[in-house]
């Protein structure tokens, strides 16, 4: 059981992504905001926990290496899409959200292509920071209904979202530059 525990935790994060998005899609209340935030924080913590357990228990697996970034991308994309439905044509939100989602598809496609050529692309430290900042930005935005007295959460969330979008572009370019020698015509 311990051998599969990190992958089970990752799978739970995958299952939580649409649940959290569904909560965010609902008319917001303090209760739903708190529930969404609690589940999102648990999912974010599980991202750290599954990796830590896999290394600690020496159970790092190819399935885990594949599922972990997928779980992150699903969680982030599901939340961004749910917020987009709420915020409508808010370009201060939509522009960085679209950049983030667009990059995730491109890098996932790159990884898929490179896997076919037996080339592995390790996750960079900058990409880990990008994910942490994205999670923090989304956490701030989720917290708004739960803590309406902290009106600054919206601004902090948007600023962090823009910072993560900039890191998203930078890390995406770095991945493509590092992989350029493996492209075949």
C-alpha atoms as a PDB file:
ATOM      1  CA  UNK A   1       0.000   0.000   0.000  1.00  0.00           C
ATOM      2  CA  UNK A   2       2.772   2.497   0.875  1.00  0.00           C
ATOM      3  CA  UNK A   3       4.337   1.938  -2.539  1.00  0.00           C
ATOM      4  CA  UNK A   4       1.204   3.255  -4.252  1.00  0.00           C
ATOM      5  CA  UNK A   5       0.350   5.981  -1.701  1.00  0.00           C
ATOM      6  CA  UNK A   6       2.001   8.865  -3.631  1.00  0.00           C
ATOM      7  CA  UNK A   7       0.103   7.900  -6.789  1.00  0.00           C
ATOM      8  CA  UNK A   8      -3.158   7.593  -4.835  1.00  0.00           C
ATOM      9  CA  UNK A   9      -2.614  11.110  -3.472  1.00  0.00           C
ATOM     10  CA  UNK A  10      -1.952  12.391  -6.999  1.00  0.00           C
ATOM     11  CA  UNK A  11      -5.122  10.680  -8.228  1.00  0.00           C
ATOM     12  CA  UNK A  12      -7.103  12.350  -5.423  1.00  0.00           C
ATOM     13  CA  UNK A  13      -5.822  15.722  -6.679  1.00  0.00           C
ATOM     14  CA  UNK A  14      -7.037  14.834 -10.179  1.00  0.00           C
ATOM     15  CA  UNK A  15     -10.490  13.968  -8.801  1.00  0.00           C
ATOM     16  CA  UNK A  16     -10.589  17.161  -6.729  1.00  0.00           C
ATOM     17  CA  UNK A  17      -9.964  19.437  -9.747  1.00  0.00           C
ATOM     18  CA  UNK A  18     -13.502  19.220 -11.194  1.00  0.00           C
ATOM     19  CA  UNK A  19     -15.035  19.233  -7.699  1.00  0.00           C
ATOM     20  CA  UNK A  20     -13.278  22.504  -6.879  1.00  0.00           C
ATOM     21  CA  UNK A  21     -14.211  23.958 -10.284  1.00  0.00           C
ATOM     22  CA  UNK A  22     -17.854  22.991  -9.698  1.00  0.00           C
ATOM     23  CA  UNK A  23     -17.801  24.775  -6.330  1.00  0.00           C
ATOM     24  CA  UNK A  24     -16.259  27.881  -7.922  1.00  0.00           C
ATOM     25  CA  UNK A  25     -18.910  27.875 -10.667  1.00  0.00           C
ATOM     26  CA  UNK A  26     -21.716  28.185  -8.106  1.00  0.00           C
ATOM     27  CA  UNK A  27     -23.051  31.527  -6.910  1.00  0.00           C
ATOM     28  CA  UNK A  28     -20.490  32.385  -4.291  1.00  0.00           C
ATOM     29  CA  UNK A  29     -21.110  32.522  -0.584  1.00  0.00           C
ATOM     30  CA  UNK A  30     -18.810  32.565   2.413  1.00  0.00           C
ATOM     31  CA  UNK A  31     -19.495  28.848   2.948  1.00  0.00           C
ATOM     32  CA  UNK A  32     -18.707  27.835  -0.654  1.00  0.00           C
ATOM     33  CA  UNK A  33     -15.666  30.089  -0.670  1.00  0.00           C
ATOM     34  CA  UNK A  34     -14.358  28.441   2.487  1.00  0.00           C
ATOM     35  CA  UNK A  35     -15.105  24.950   1.155  1.00  0.00           C
ATOM     36  CA  UNK A  36     -13.444  25.694  -2.196  1.00  0.00           C
ATOM     37  CA  UNK A  37     -10.437  27.204  -0.444  1.00  0.00           C
ATOM     38  CA  UNK A  38     -10.089  24.247   1.942  1.00  0.00           C
ATOM     39  CA  UNK A  39     -10.244  21.725  -0.897  1.00  0.00           C
ATOM     40  CA  UNK A  40      -7.858  23.779  -3.023  1.00  0.00           C
ATOM     41  CA  UNK A  41      -5.374  24.094  -0.129  1.00  0.00           C
ATOM     42  CA  UNK A  42      -5.594  20.334   0.432  1.00  0.00           C
ATOM     43  CA  UNK A  43      -4.976  19.745  -3.292  1.00  0.00           C
ATOM     44  CA  UNK A  44      -2.017  22.145  -3.244  1.00  0.00           C
ATOM     45  CA  UNK A  45      -0.576  20.467  -0.160  1.00  0.00           C
ATOM     46  CA  UNK A  46      -1.054  17.064  -1.809  1.00  0.00           C
ATOM     47  CA  UNK A  47       1.150  18.253  -4.684  1.00  0.00           C
ATOM     48  CA  UNK A  48       4.023  18.624  -2.249  1.00  0.00           C
ATOM     49  CA  UNK A  49       3.076  15.551  -0.209  1.00  0.00           C
ATOM     50  CA  UNK A  50       2.958  13.034  -3.063  1.00  0.00           C
ATOM     51  CA  UNK A  51       6.434  14.015  -4.258  1.00  0.00           C
ATOM     52  CA  UNK A  52       7.868  14.038  -0.753  1.00  0.00           C
ATOM     53  CA  UNK A  53       6.389  10.611   0.013  1.00  0.00           C
ATOM     54  CA  UNK A  54       7.575   9.143  -3.285  1.00  0.00           C
ATOM     55  CA  UNK A  55      11.138  10.260  -2.535  1.00  0.00           C
ATOM     56  CA  UNK A  56      10.973   9.366   1.159  1.00  0.00           C
ATOM     57  CA  UNK A  57       9.550   5.884   0.523  1.00  0.00           C
ATOM     58  CA  UNK A  58      11.768   5.426  -2.534  1.00  0.00           C
ATOM     59  CA  UNK A  59       8.687   4.754  -4.672  1.00  0.00           C
ATOM     60  CA  UNK A  60       9.202   7.281  -7.460  1.00  0.00           C
ATOM     61  CA  UNK A  61       7.458   5.774 -10.473  1.00  0.00           C
ATOM     62  CA  UNK A  62       7.009   6.569 -14.148  1.00  0.00           C
ATOM     63  CA  UNK A  63       3.237   6.685 -13.548  1.00  0.00           C
ATOM     64  CA  UNK A  64       3.742   9.243 -10.783  1.00  0.00           C
ATOM     65  CA  UNK A  65       6.098  11.322 -12.930  1.00  0.00           C
ATOM     66  CA  UNK A  66       3.426  11.354 -15.638  1.00  0.00           C
ATOM     67  CA  UNK A  67       0.382  11.956 -13.405  1.00  0.00           C
ATOM     68  CA  UNK A  68       1.821  14.658 -11.139  1.00  0.00           C
ATOM     69  CA  UNK A  69       2.149  17.423 -13.760  1.00  0.00           C
ATOM     70  CA  UNK A  70      -1.179  16.374 -15.286  1.00  0.00           C
ATOM     71  CA  UNK A  71      -2.839  16.753 -11.880  1.00  0.00           C
ATOM     72  CA  UNK A  72      -1.305  20.221 -11.470  1.00  0.00           C
ATOM     73  CA  UNK A  73      -2.411  21.324 -14.927  1.00  0.00           C
ATOM     74  CA  UNK A  74      -5.941  19.975 -14.441  1.00  0.00           C
ATOM     75  CA  UNK A  75      -6.317  21.723 -11.086  1.00  0.00           C
ATOM     76  CA  UNK A  76      -5.018  25.056 -12.356  1.00  0.00           C
ATOM     77  CA  UNK A  77      -6.928  24.948 -15.652  1.00  0.00           C
ATOM     78  CA  UNK A  78     -10.192  23.884 -13.977  1.00  0.00           C
ATOM     79  CA  UNK A  79      -9.957  26.772 -11.508  1.00  0.00           C
ATOM     80  CA  UNK A  80      -9.019  29.302 -14.188  1.00  0.00           C
ATOM     81  CA  UNK A  81     -11.928  28.191 -16.373  1.00  0.00           C
ATOM     82  CA  UNK A  82     -14.342  28.425 -13.441  1.00  0.00           C
ATOM     83  CA  UNK A  83     -13.107  31.941 -12.661  1.00  0.00           C
ATOM     84  CA  UNK A  84     -13.405  32.906 -16.330  1.00  0.00           C
ATOM     85  CA  UNK A  85     -17.076  31.889 -16.229  1.00  0.00           C
ATOM     86  CA  UNK A  86     -17.590  34.113 -13.170  1.00  0.00           C
ATOM     87  CA  UNK A  87     -15.565  37.106 -14.293  1.00  0.00           C
ATOM     88  CA  UNK A  88     -16.832  37.338 -17.856  1.00  0.00           C
ATOM     89  CA  UNK A  89     -14.782  39.696 -20.006  1.00  0.00           C
ATOM     90  CA  UNK A  90     -12.372  40.778 -17.248  1.00  0.00           C
ATOM     91  CA  UNK A  91      -9.199  41.153 -19.337  1.00  0.00           C
ATOM     92  CA  UNK A  92      -7.044  41.689 -16.250  1.00  0.00           C
ATOM     93  CA  UNK A  93      -7.899  38.082 -15.397  1.00  0.00           C
ATOM     94  CA  UNK A  94      -8.449  36.528 -18.830  1.00  0.00           C
ATOM     95  CA  UNK A  95      -5.151  37.598 -20.427  1.00  0.00           C
ATOM     96  CA  UNK A  96      -2.849  35.853 -17.939  1.00  0.00           C
ATOM     97  CA  UNK A  97      -5.257  32.921 -17.590  1.00  0.00           C
ATOM     98  CA  UNK A  98      -5.195  32.309 -21.349  1.00  0.00           C
ATOM     99  CA  UNK A  99      -1.397  32.600 -21.444  1.00  0.00           C
ATOM    100  CA  UNK A 100      -1.136  30.022 -18.663  1.00  0.00           C
ATOM    101  CA  UNK A 101      -3.555  27.557 -20.255  1.00  0.00           C
ATOM    102  CA  UNK A 102      -2.024  28.023 -23.729  1.00  0.00           C
ATOM    103  CA  UNK A 103       1.499  27.339 -22.429  1.00  0.00           C
ATOM    104  CA  UNK A 104       0.373  24.234 -20.536  1.00  0.00           C
ATOM    105  CA  UNK A 105      -1.029  22.725 -23.737  1.00  0.00           C
ATOM    106  CA  UNK A 106       2.124  23.604 -25.690  1.00  0.00           C
ATOM    107  CA  UNK A 107       4.510  22.187 -23.098  1.00  0.00           C
ATOM    108  CA  UNK A 108       2.359  19.063 -22.687  1.00  0.00           C
ATOM    109  CA  UNK A 109       2.504  18.581 -26.459  1.00  0.00           C
ATOM    110  CA  UNK A 110       6.261  19.101 -26.380  1.00  0.00           C
ATOM    111  CA  UNK A 111       6.654  16.505 -23.633  1.00  0.00           C
ATOM    112  CA  UNK A 112       4.481  14.071 -25.596  1.00  0.00           C
ATOM    113  CA  UNK A 113       6.554  14.590 -28.733  1.00  0.00           C
ATOM    114  CA  UNK A 114       9.837  14.197 -26.870  1.00  0.00           C
ATOM    115  CA  UNK A 115       8.603  11.063 -25.096  1.00  0.00           C
ATOM    116  CA  UNK A 116       8.198   9.541 -28.556  1.00  0.00           C
ATOM    117  CA  UNK A 117      11.860  10.299 -29.225  1.00  0.00           C
ATOM    118  CA  UNK A 118      12.853   8.857 -25.816  1.00  0.00           C
ATOM    119  CA  UNK A 119      13.907  12.276 -24.501  1.00  0.00           C
ATOM    120  CA  UNK A 120      12.878  13.307 -21.006  1.00  0.00           C
ATOM    121  CA  UNK A 121      12.358  16.951 -20.075  1.00  0.00           C
ATOM    122  CA  UNK A 122      12.875  17.438 -16.345  1.00  0.00           C
ATOM    123  CA  UNK A 123      10.836  20.062 -14.522  1.00  0.00           C
ATOM    124  CA  UNK A 124      12.943  23.158 -13.907  1.00  0.00           C
ATOM    125  CA  UNK A 125      13.144  25.040 -10.627  1.00  0.00           C
ATOM    126  CA  UNK A 126      11.589  28.071 -12.344  1.00  0.00           C
ATOM    127  CA  UNK A 127       8.643  25.901 -13.424  1.00  0.00           C
ATOM    128  CA  UNK A 128       8.180  24.760  -9.822  1.00  0.00           C
ATOM    129  CA  UNK A 129       8.116  28.404  -8.727  1.00  0.00           C
ATOM    130  CA  UNK A 130       5.644  29.161 -11.522  1.00  0.00           C
ATOM    131  CA  UNK A 131       3.324  26.455 -10.219  1.00  0.00           C
ATOM    132  CA  UNK A 132       3.664  27.666  -6.617  1.00  0.00           C
ATOM    133  CA  UNK A 133       2.845  31.256  -7.637  1.00  0.00           C
ATOM    134  CA  UNK A 134      -0.113  30.075  -9.749  1.00  0.00           C
ATOM    135  CA  UNK A 135      -1.451  28.073  -6.802  1.00  0.00           C
ATOM    136  CA  UNK A 136      -1.035  31.068  -4.478  1.00  0.00           C
ATOM    137  CA  UNK A 137      -2.758  33.399  -6.966  1.00  0.00           C
ATOM    138  CA  UNK A 138      -5.673  31.015  -7.372  1.00  0.00           C
ATOM    139  CA  UNK A 139      -5.872  30.493  -3.613  1.00  0.00           C
ATOM    140  CA  UNK A 140      -6.164  34.272  -3.122  1.00  0.00           C
ATOM    141  CA  UNK A 141      -8.939  34.471  -5.725  1.00  0.00           C
ATOM    142  CA  UNK A 142     -10.797  31.507  -4.214  1.00  0.00           C
ATOM    143  CA  UNK A 143     -10.578  33.102  -0.752  1.00  0.00           C
ATOM    144  CA  UNK A 144     -12.423  36.306  -1.768  1.00  0.00           C
ATOM    145  CA  UNK A 145     -15.979  35.090  -0.944  1.00  0.00           C
ATOM    146  CA  UNK A 146     -14.812  33.432   2.283  1.00  0.00           C
ATOM    147  CA  UNK A 147     -13.067  36.598   3.469  1.00  0.00           C
ATOM    148  CA  UNK A 148     -14.933  39.573   1.954  1.00  0.00           C
ATOM    149  CA  UNK A 149     -13.323  41.920   4.499  1.00  0.00           C
ATOM    150  CA  UNK A 150      -9.967  41.309   2.775  1.00  0.00           C
ATOM    151  CA  UNK A 151     -10.783  43.136  -0.448  1.00  0.00           C
ATOM    152  CA  UNK A 152      -7.071  43.282  -1.288  1.00  0.00           C
ATOM    153  CA  UNK A 153      -7.109  39.525  -2.041  1.00  0.00           C
ATOM    154  CA  UNK A 154      -8.405  40.232  -5.536  1.00  0.00           C
ATOM    155  CA  UNK A 155      -5.511  42.580  -6.334  1.00  0.00           C
ATOM    156  CA  UNK A 156      -2.916  40.251  -4.821  1.00  0.00           C
ATOM    157  CA  UNK A 157      -4.404  37.308  -6.723  1.00  0.00           C
ATOM    158  CA  UNK A 158      -4.351  39.207 -10.023  1.00  0.00           C
ATOM    159  CA  UNK A 159      -0.795  40.492  -9.509  1.00  0.00           C
ATOM    160  CA  UNK A 160       0.417  36.979  -8.710  1.00  0.00           C
ATOM    161  CA  UNK A 161      -1.478  35.626 -11.720  1.00  0.00           C
ATOM    162  CA  UNK A 162       0.348  38.110 -13.979  1.00  0.00           C
ATOM    163  CA  UNK A 163       3.691  37.201 -12.383  1.00  0.00           C
ATOM    164  CA  UNK A 164       2.978  33.511 -12.922  1.00  0.00           C
ATOM    165  CA  UNK A 165       1.941  34.223 -16.531  1.00  0.00           C
ATOM    166  CA  UNK A 166       5.312  35.924 -17.104  1.00  0.00           C
ATOM    167  CA  UNK A 167       7.101  32.922 -15.560  1.00  0.00           C
ATOM    168  CA  UNK A 168       4.880  30.675 -17.660  1.00  0.00           C
ATOM    169  CA  UNK A 169       6.105  32.330 -20.854  1.00  0.00           C
ATOM    170  CA  UNK A 170       9.734  32.303 -19.684  1.00  0.00           C
ATOM    171  CA  UNK A 171       9.710  28.616 -18.697  1.00  0.00           C
ATOM    172  CA  UNK A 172       7.804  27.640 -21.836  1.00  0.00           C
ATOM    173  CA  UNK A 173      10.415  29.340 -24.018  1.00  0.00           C
ATOM    174  CA  UNK A 174      13.201  27.696 -22.002  1.00  0.00           C
ATOM    175  CA  UNK A 175      11.655  24.238 -22.493  1.00  0.00           C
ATOM    176  CA  UNK A 176      11.353  24.757 -26.248  1.00  0.00           C
ATOM    177  CA  UNK A 177      14.903  26.120 -26.529  1.00  0.00           C
ATOM    178  CA  UNK A 178      16.308  23.186 -24.529  1.00  0.00           C
ATOM    179  CA  UNK A 179      14.406  20.754 -26.728  1.00  0.00           C
ATOM    180  CA  UNK A 180      15.073  22.369 -30.111  1.00  0.00           C
ATOM    181  CA  UNK A 181      17.914  20.011 -30.973  1.00  0.00           C
ATOM    182  CA  UNK A 182      15.512  17.049 -30.723  1.00  0.00           C
ATOM    183  CA  UNK A 183      13.064  18.298 -33.358  1.00  0.00           C
ATOM    184  CA  UNK A 184      13.039  16.357 -36.595  1.00  0.00           C
ATOM    185  CA  UNK A 185      11.594  17.706 -39.801  1.00  0.00           C
END
